[in-house]
């Protein structure tokens, strides 16, 4: 098996496995990370989103080989209970989640957007989150939370 090297949440790592295994499978089974969720398995719902370099990607249909020598960030690497990311604080403040299943993927899509565009418009946030499905109907609160986080981050 080839060894695939990448940076996971800022830490150099490698895995000896089939390079065609999904990134989602590797993150959950090899590293025990639970924030990327299996949703549709076809890259359509966004529950499994992670950031690769500065882009949100569906980890369920991303082969491990495609992240070789890249930075992969999961929700576990975004912030912690002691030091939450502004997006995490904003989601809590806006009560922008219900069941919690989709929110990690949404946060990763939003974080990728804010890395590229620290002051997005409401429309730009809507476009960035377009591929994330939330069946609880929290979209309005999620949009408010992302814009709140952007405002907080730009004020610093």
Protein backbone atom coordinates (compact mmCIF):
# COMPACT_ATOMS: atom_id res chain seq x y z
CA UNK A 1 0.00 0.00 0.00
CA UNK A 2 1.27 3.47 -0.79
CA UNK A 3 1.82 5.96 1.98
CA UNK A 4 -0.24 9.15 1.64
CA UNK A 5 1.11 12.16 3.55
CA UNK A 6 -0.95 15.24 4.42
CA UNK A 7 -1.47 17.74 7.22
CA UNK A 8 -4.52 17.02 9.35
CA UNK A 9 -5.63 19.88 11.55
CA UNK A 10 -2.12 21.32 11.37
CA UNK A 11 -0.27 18.08 12.16
CA UNK A 12 1.84 16.21 9.59
CA UNK A 13 0.44 12.73 9.19
CA UNK A 14 0.48 9.77 6.84
CA UNK A 15 -1.63 6.71 6.14
CA UNK A 16 -0.66 3.41 4.50
CA UNK A 17 -3.83 2.36 2.74
CA UNK A 18 -5.64 2.13 -0.55
CA UNK A 19 -5.36 5.62 -2.09
CA UNK A 20 -8.90 5.30 -3.48
CA UNK A 21 -10.51 5.04 -0.02
CA UNK A 22 -12.66 8.06 0.73
CA UNK A 23 -11.25 10.82 2.85
CA UNK A 24 -14.36 10.53 5.05
CA UNK A 25 -13.65 6.86 5.74
CA UNK A 26 -10.02 7.63 6.63
CA UNK A 27 -10.90 10.56 8.91
CA UNK A 28 -13.48 8.57 10.83
CA UNK A 29 -11.92 5.09 10.93
CA UNK A 30 -8.19 5.83 11.02
CA UNK A 31 -8.19 9.07 13.02
CA UNK A 32 -11.39 8.74 15.05
CA UNK A 33 -12.69 12.14 13.95
CA UNK A 34 -16.46 12.29 14.21
CA UNK A 35 -17.33 15.76 12.95
CA UNK A 36 -17.49 14.85 9.24
CA UNK A 37 -20.78 12.94 9.01
CA UNK A 38 -21.86 10.41 6.43
CA UNK A 39 -24.98 11.83 4.83
CA UNK A 40 -25.74 10.94 1.25
CA UNK A 41 -22.45 9.32 0.23
CA UNK A 42 -22.65 11.04 -3.14
CA UNK A 43 -21.26 14.51 -2.43
CA UNK A 44 -24.70 16.13 -2.52
CA UNK A 45 -25.59 17.08 1.09
CA UNK A 46 -22.44 18.62 2.62
CA UNK A 47 -22.66 16.79 5.98
CA UNK A 48 -19.15 15.43 5.39
CA UNK A 49 -17.52 18.71 4.34
CA UNK A 50 -13.96 19.44 5.40
CA UNK A 51 -11.54 22.09 4.22
CA UNK A 52 -8.75 21.02 1.86
CA UNK A 53 -6.31 23.87 1.60
CA UNK A 54 -8.83 26.76 1.47
CA UNK A 55 -11.79 25.03 -0.18
CA UNK A 56 -14.69 23.10 1.31
CA UNK A 57 -14.88 19.61 -0.17
CA UNK A 58 -17.20 16.65 0.27
CA UNK A 59 -15.02 14.08 2.00
CA UNK A 60 -17.37 11.20 1.15
CA UNK A 61 -16.43 11.24 -2.52
CA UNK A 62 -12.90 12.60 -2.23
CA UNK A 63 -10.25 9.89 -2.64
CA UNK A 64 -7.47 10.01 -0.08
CA UNK A 65 -4.89 10.29 -2.87
CA UNK A 66 -6.23 13.73 -3.81
CA UNK A 67 -5.19 15.26 -0.46
CA UNK A 68 -1.56 14.17 -0.65
CA UNK A 69 0.69 17.01 0.57
CA UNK A 70 -2.33 19.22 1.31
CA UNK A 71 -3.85 20.75 4.44
CA UNK A 72 -7.04 19.06 5.65
CA UNK A 73 -9.07 20.77 8.36
CA UNK A 74 -12.03 19.22 10.14
CA UNK A 75 -14.26 20.85 12.73
CA UNK A 76 -11.95 19.40 15.40
CA UNK A 77 -9.19 21.61 13.96
CA UNK A 78 -11.33 24.74 13.61
CA UNK A 79 -11.73 25.51 17.30
CA UNK A 80 -12.07 23.85 20.67
CA UNK A 81 -14.38 24.05 23.67
CA UNK A 82 -11.78 26.24 25.37
CA UNK A 83 -11.14 28.41 22.31
CA UNK A 84 -14.06 28.21 19.92
CA UNK A 85 -13.79 29.67 16.44
CA UNK A 86 -15.93 32.79 15.88
CA UNK A 87 -18.23 30.68 13.68
CA UNK A 88 -18.81 28.25 16.52
CA UNK A 89 -19.55 31.09 18.95
CA UNK A 90 -21.90 32.73 16.45
CA UNK A 91 -23.84 29.50 15.80
CA UNK A 92 -24.40 29.15 19.52
CA UNK A 93 -25.35 32.82 19.96
CA UNK A 94 -27.82 32.68 17.06
CA UNK A 95 -29.16 29.25 18.10
CA UNK A 96 -28.48 28.28 14.51
CA UNK A 97 -28.79 24.53 14.75
CA UNK A 98 -31.30 21.98 15.83
CA UNK A 99 -30.36 18.35 15.31
CA UNK A 100 -26.66 19.07 14.78
CA UNK A 101 -26.16 16.59 11.95
CA UNK A 102 -25.42 19.09 9.16
CA UNK A 103 -23.81 21.87 11.17
CA UNK A 104 -20.21 20.66 11.08
CA UNK A 105 -20.30 20.52 7.27
CA UNK A 106 -21.95 23.94 7.17
CA UNK A 107 -19.31 25.38 9.50
CA UNK A 108 -16.55 24.02 7.29
CA UNK A 109 -18.14 25.56 4.17
CA UNK A 110 -18.51 28.87 5.99
CA UNK A 111 -14.96 28.77 7.36
CA UNK A 112 -13.59 28.13 3.86
CA UNK A 113 -15.59 31.11 2.59
CA UNK A 114 -14.31 33.38 5.37
CA UNK A 115 -10.72 32.34 4.67
CA UNK A 116 -11.13 33.50 1.08
CA UNK A 117 -13.51 36.40 1.71
CA UNK A 118 -13.48 37.80 5.26
CA UNK A 119 -16.39 40.19 4.59
CA UNK A 120 -18.94 38.33 2.49
CA UNK A 121 -22.35 39.67 1.59
CA UNK A 122 -25.49 37.76 2.58
CA UNK A 123 -25.78 36.58 -1.03
CA UNK A 124 -22.17 35.31 -1.06
CA UNK A 125 -22.84 33.35 2.14
CA UNK A 126 -25.99 31.86 0.58
CA UNK A 127 -24.00 30.78 -2.49
CA UNK A 128 -21.20 29.29 -0.36
CA UNK A 129 -23.70 27.25 1.66
CA UNK A 130 -25.88 26.28 -1.28
CA UNK A 131 -24.61 22.68 -1.34
CA UNK A 132 -25.22 22.14 2.38
CA UNK A 133 -28.58 20.65 3.17
CA UNK A 134 -30.25 21.36 6.53
CA UNK A 135 -33.55 19.61 6.92
CA UNK A 136 -34.34 21.36 10.22
CA UNK A 137 -35.01 24.70 8.53
CA UNK A 138 -32.25 26.63 10.32
CA UNK A 139 -30.99 28.38 7.18
CA UNK A 140 -31.95 31.92 8.21
CA UNK A 141 -30.26 31.57 11.59
CA UNK A 142 -27.22 29.95 9.98
CA UNK A 143 -26.88 32.89 7.57
CA UNK A 144 -27.10 35.31 10.50
CA UNK A 145 -24.46 33.33 12.38
CA UNK A 146 -21.99 33.35 9.46
CA UNK A 147 -22.44 37.10 8.96
CA UNK A 148 -22.07 37.65 12.73
CA UNK A 149 -18.80 35.67 12.74
CA UNK A 150 -17.52 37.59 9.72
CA UNK A 151 -18.27 40.88 11.50
CA UNK A 152 -16.51 39.69 14.65
CA UNK A 153 -13.49 38.47 12.72
CA UNK A 154 -13.14 41.68 10.71
CA UNK A 155 -13.41 43.78 13.90
CA UNK A 156 -10.28 42.14 15.27
